[in-house]
């Protein structure tokens, strides 16, 4: 059974030889640590990936080969993931990314998608959502 057949069988509650195996993604710093702990370095990190950057796992759809992990997937025998052609289906034009406030160890910034987030300066991690691109108090009800 190949990865596609397995995924379709599993998602439709059919018979599969085993569950699909894969991950959505990792932090660049996590893979760097795993290398120091013995993960075989075959392909290495994609060029330009830094500590806090996302590295895409095999099961993340719609990402093509951008920052795609190879070493973790091959080491653990993950199924080949879903491949799609990448295109910008987000906001067009994008917002200008800008720092709105400096809070010492954190910054408040507007992202290209218009979301305002609170983000740590020195430590990689998930940012805290502050607000979205639609004004406060908007309910969408005419």
C-alpha atoms as a PDB file:
ATOM      1  CA  UNK A   1       0.000   0.000   0.000  1.00  0.00           C
ATOM      2  CA  UNK A   2       1.504   3.371  -0.958  1.00  0.00           C
ATOM      3  CA  UNK A   3       1.184   6.585   1.073  1.00  0.00           C
ATOM      4  CA  UNK A   4      -1.748   7.917  -0.973  1.00  0.00           C
ATOM      5  CA  UNK A   5      -3.742   4.686  -0.761  1.00  0.00           C
ATOM      6  CA  UNK A   6      -3.015   4.432   2.969  1.00  0.00           C
ATOM      7  CA  UNK A   7      -4.085   8.039   3.610  1.00  0.00           C
ATOM      8  CA  UNK A   8      -7.322   7.698   1.620  1.00  0.00           C
ATOM      9  CA  UNK A   9      -8.209   4.375   3.280  1.00  0.00           C
ATOM     10  CA  UNK A  10      -7.455   5.725   6.751  1.00  0.00           C
ATOM     11  CA  UNK A  11      -9.416   8.963   6.245  1.00  0.00           C
ATOM     12  CA  UNK A  12     -12.461   7.105   4.892  1.00  0.00           C
ATOM     13  CA  UNK A  13     -12.443   4.563   7.764  1.00  0.00           C
ATOM     14  CA  UNK A  14     -11.389   1.805   5.372  1.00  0.00           C
ATOM     15  CA  UNK A  15      -8.798  -0.952   5.729  1.00  0.00           C
ATOM     16  CA  UNK A  16      -5.183   0.182   5.815  1.00  0.00           C
ATOM     17  CA  UNK A  17      -1.961  -1.705   6.501  1.00  0.00           C
ATOM     18  CA  UNK A  18      -1.092   0.877   9.201  1.00  0.00           C
ATOM     19  CA  UNK A  19      -1.834   4.485  10.105  1.00  0.00           C
ATOM     20  CA  UNK A  20      -0.149   7.201   8.032  1.00  0.00           C
ATOM     21  CA  UNK A  21       3.167   8.332   9.570  1.00  0.00           C
ATOM     22  CA  UNK A  22       4.388  11.893   9.416  1.00  0.00           C
ATOM     23  CA  UNK A  23       4.750  15.274  11.035  1.00  0.00           C
ATOM     24  CA  UNK A  24       3.569  18.720  10.029  1.00  0.00           C
ATOM     25  CA  UNK A  25       6.782  20.540  10.900  1.00  0.00           C
ATOM     26  CA  UNK A  26       9.542  21.500  13.300  1.00  0.00           C
ATOM     27  CA  UNK A  27      11.603  24.465  14.454  1.00  0.00           C
ATOM     28  CA  UNK A  28      15.001  24.792  12.777  1.00  0.00           C
ATOM     29  CA  UNK A  29      16.588  24.857  16.237  1.00  0.00           C
ATOM     30  CA  UNK A  30      14.943  21.557  17.151  1.00  0.00           C
ATOM     31  CA  UNK A  31      16.458  19.776  14.161  1.00  0.00           C
ATOM     32  CA  UNK A  32      19.843  21.373  14.934  1.00  0.00           C
ATOM     33  CA  UNK A  33      19.603  19.934  18.453  1.00  0.00           C
ATOM     34  CA  UNK A  34      18.604  16.514  17.095  1.00  0.00           C
ATOM     35  CA  UNK A  35      21.719  16.538  14.888  1.00  0.00           C
ATOM     36  CA  UNK A  36      23.834  17.102  18.009  1.00  0.00           C
ATOM     37  CA  UNK A  37      21.993  14.200  19.681  1.00  0.00           C
ATOM     38  CA  UNK A  38      22.667  11.737  16.849  1.00  0.00           C
ATOM     39  CA  UNK A  39      20.154  12.342  14.046  1.00  0.00           C
ATOM     40  CA  UNK A  40      22.003  11.378  10.839  1.00  0.00           C
ATOM     41  CA  UNK A  41      22.705  14.478   8.734  1.00  0.00           C
ATOM     42  CA  UNK A  42      22.094  13.435   5.132  1.00  0.00           C
ATOM     43  CA  UNK A  43      20.401  16.404   3.455  1.00  0.00           C
ATOM     44  CA  UNK A  44      20.899  18.884   6.315  1.00  0.00           C
ATOM     45  CA  UNK A  45      18.685  21.866   6.988  1.00  0.00           C
ATOM     46  CA  UNK A  46      17.413  23.740   3.926  1.00  0.00           C
ATOM     47  CA  UNK A  47      19.626  26.726   3.099  1.00  0.00           C
ATOM     48  CA  UNK A  48      18.826  29.899   4.959  1.00  0.00           C
ATOM     49  CA  UNK A  49      16.913  28.196   7.800  1.00  0.00           C
ATOM     50  CA  UNK A  50      17.745  29.749  11.150  1.00  0.00           C
ATOM     51  CA  UNK A  51      17.031  28.658  14.723  1.00  0.00           C
ATOM     52  CA  UNK A  52      13.447  29.919  14.963  1.00  0.00           C
ATOM     53  CA  UNK A  53      12.391  29.265  11.371  1.00  0.00           C
ATOM     54  CA  UNK A  54       9.819  26.638  10.507  1.00  0.00           C
ATOM     55  CA  UNK A  55      10.953  23.514   8.716  1.00  0.00           C
ATOM     56  CA  UNK A  56       8.077  21.804   6.949  1.00  0.00           C
ATOM     57  CA  UNK A  57       7.398  18.137   7.696  1.00  0.00           C
ATOM     58  CA  UNK A  58       6.247  15.578   5.172  1.00  0.00           C
ATOM     59  CA  UNK A  59       2.552  15.725   6.113  1.00  0.00           C
ATOM     60  CA  UNK A  60       2.135  19.485   5.623  1.00  0.00           C
ATOM     61  CA  UNK A  61       0.070  20.082   2.476  1.00  0.00           C
ATOM     62  CA  UNK A  62       0.495  22.902   0.032  1.00  0.00           C
ATOM     63  CA  UNK A  63       4.114  23.764   0.703  1.00  0.00           C
ATOM     64  CA  UNK A  64       5.988  22.255  -2.237  1.00  0.00           C
ATOM     65  CA  UNK A  65       9.659  21.872  -1.398  1.00  0.00           C
ATOM     66  CA  UNK A  66      10.167  25.166   0.454  1.00  0.00           C
ATOM     67  CA  UNK A  67      12.051  24.507   3.713  1.00  0.00           C
ATOM     68  CA  UNK A  68      11.047  20.848   3.509  1.00  0.00           C
ATOM     69  CA  UNK A  69      12.566  18.440   6.052  1.00  0.00           C
ATOM     70  CA  UNK A  70      14.280  15.363   4.635  1.00  0.00           C
ATOM     71  CA  UNK A  71      16.469  13.953   7.422  1.00  0.00           C
ATOM     72  CA  UNK A  72      13.807  13.472  10.126  1.00  0.00           C
ATOM     73  CA  UNK A  73      11.351  11.938   7.649  1.00  0.00           C
ATOM     74  CA  UNK A  74      13.861   9.461   6.237  1.00  0.00           C
ATOM     75  CA  UNK A  75      15.250   8.537   9.679  1.00  0.00           C
ATOM     76  CA  UNK A  76      11.811   7.668  11.085  1.00  0.00           C
ATOM     77  CA  UNK A  77      10.373   6.213   7.871  1.00  0.00           C
ATOM     78  CA  UNK A  78       7.579   8.746   7.471  1.00  0.00           C
ATOM     79  CA  UNK A  79       5.227   8.467   4.512  1.00  0.00           C
ATOM     80  CA  UNK A  80       5.759  10.808   1.605  1.00  0.00           C
ATOM     81  CA  UNK A  81       3.559  13.808   2.161  1.00  0.00           C
ATOM     82  CA  UNK A  82       1.106  15.703   0.064  1.00  0.00           C
ATOM     83  CA  UNK A  83       2.677  17.883  -2.635  1.00  0.00           C
ATOM     84  CA  UNK A  84       0.923  20.818  -4.215  1.00  0.00           C
ATOM     85  CA  UNK A  85       2.029  23.674  -6.408  1.00  0.00           C
ATOM     86  CA  UNK A  86       2.659  26.719  -4.223  1.00  0.00           C
ATOM     87  CA  UNK A  87       0.837  29.918  -5.064  1.00  0.00           C
ATOM     88  CA  UNK A  88      -0.164  32.970  -3.087  1.00  0.00           C
ATOM     89  CA  UNK A  89      -3.792  32.566  -2.124  1.00  0.00           C
ATOM     90  CA  UNK A  90      -3.477  34.939   0.823  1.00  0.00           C
ATOM     91  CA  UNK A  91      -4.057  38.668   1.015  1.00  0.00           C
ATOM     92  CA  UNK A  92      -3.071  40.508  -2.104  1.00  0.00           C
ATOM     93  CA  UNK A  93      -1.550  42.968  -1.786  1.00  0.00           C
ATOM     94  CA  UNK A  94      -0.017  41.997   1.536  1.00  0.00           C
ATOM     95  CA  UNK A  95       0.237  44.390   4.463  1.00  0.00           C
ATOM     96  CA  UNK A  96       3.556  46.112   5.067  1.00  0.00           C
ATOM     97  CA  UNK A  97       5.292  44.276   7.896  1.00  0.00           C
ATOM     98  CA  UNK A  98       6.052  46.791  10.647  1.00  0.00           C
ATOM     99  CA  UNK A  99       7.078  46.969  14.293  1.00  0.00           C
ATOM    100  CA  UNK A 100       4.346  48.830  16.176  1.00  0.00           C
ATOM    101  CA  UNK A 101       5.862  48.776  19.668  1.00  0.00           C
ATOM    102  CA  UNK A 102       9.115  47.751  21.363  1.00  0.00           C
ATOM    103  CA  UNK A 103       8.555  46.300  24.854  1.00  0.00           C
ATOM    104  CA  UNK A 104      12.145  45.464  25.758  1.00  0.00           C
ATOM    105  CA  UNK A 105      12.300  41.673  25.394  1.00  0.00           C
ATOM    106  CA  UNK A 106       9.255  41.612  23.096  1.00  0.00           C
ATOM    107  CA  UNK A 107       7.949  43.482  20.083  1.00  0.00           C
ATOM    108  CA  UNK A 108       4.441  44.067  18.829  1.00  0.00           C
ATOM    109  CA  UNK A 109       4.343  43.840  15.060  1.00  0.00           C
ATOM    110  CA  UNK A 110       1.949  43.685  12.136  1.00  0.00           C
ATOM    111  CA  UNK A 111       2.633  40.737   9.822  1.00  0.00           C
ATOM    112  CA  UNK A 112       2.253  40.577   6.054  1.00  0.00           C
ATOM    113  CA  UNK A 113      -1.148  38.956   6.640  1.00  0.00           C
ATOM    114  CA  UNK A 114      -2.308  41.928   8.720  1.00  0.00           C
ATOM    115  CA  UNK A 115      -2.274  40.106  12.052  1.00  0.00           C
ATOM    116  CA  UNK A 116      -0.834  41.997  15.028  1.00  0.00           C
ATOM    117  CA  UNK A 117       1.303  39.722  17.231  1.00  0.00           C
ATOM    118  CA  UNK A 118       3.452  39.924  20.359  1.00  0.00           C
ATOM    119  CA  UNK A 119       6.755  38.188  19.686  1.00  0.00           C
ATOM    120  CA  UNK A 120       9.847  37.505  21.829  1.00  0.00           C
ATOM    121  CA  UNK A 121      13.041  39.078  20.457  1.00  0.00           C
ATOM    122  CA  UNK A 122      15.580  36.499  21.631  1.00  0.00           C
ATOM    123  CA  UNK A 123      13.718  33.201  21.896  1.00  0.00           C
ATOM    124  CA  UNK A 124      12.075  31.261  19.109  1.00  0.00           C
ATOM    125  CA  UNK A 125       8.529  30.225  19.826  1.00  0.00           C
ATOM    126  CA  UNK A 126       4.945  30.832  18.919  1.00  0.00           C
ATOM    127  CA  UNK A 127       3.906  34.486  19.001  1.00  0.00           C
ATOM    128  CA  UNK A 128       0.872  35.685  20.941  1.00  0.00           C
ATOM    129  CA  UNK A 129      -2.021  36.857  18.793  1.00  0.00           C
ATOM    130  CA  UNK A 130      -3.106  40.428  19.578  1.00  0.00           C
ATOM    131  CA  UNK A 131      -5.573  41.292  16.802  1.00  0.00           C
ATOM    132  CA  UNK A 132      -6.552  40.417  13.263  1.00  0.00           C
ATOM    133  CA  UNK A 133      -6.681  42.509  10.086  1.00  0.00           C
ATOM    134  CA  UNK A 134     -10.397  43.323  10.522  1.00  0.00           C
ATOM    135  CA  UNK A 135     -11.172  46.171  12.959  1.00  0.00           C
ATOM    136  CA  UNK A 136     -12.157  45.495  16.554  1.00  0.00           C
ATOM    137  CA  UNK A 137     -15.867  45.166  17.161  1.00  0.00           C
ATOM    138  CA  UNK A 138     -16.651  43.998  13.639  1.00  0.00           C
ATOM    139  CA  UNK A 139     -19.030  41.074  13.797  1.00  0.00           C
ATOM    140  CA  UNK A 140     -19.679  40.576  10.108  1.00  0.00           C
ATOM    141  CA  UNK A 141     -23.398  41.132  10.666  1.00  0.00           C
ATOM    142  CA  UNK A 142     -24.654  43.950   8.451  1.00  0.00           C
END
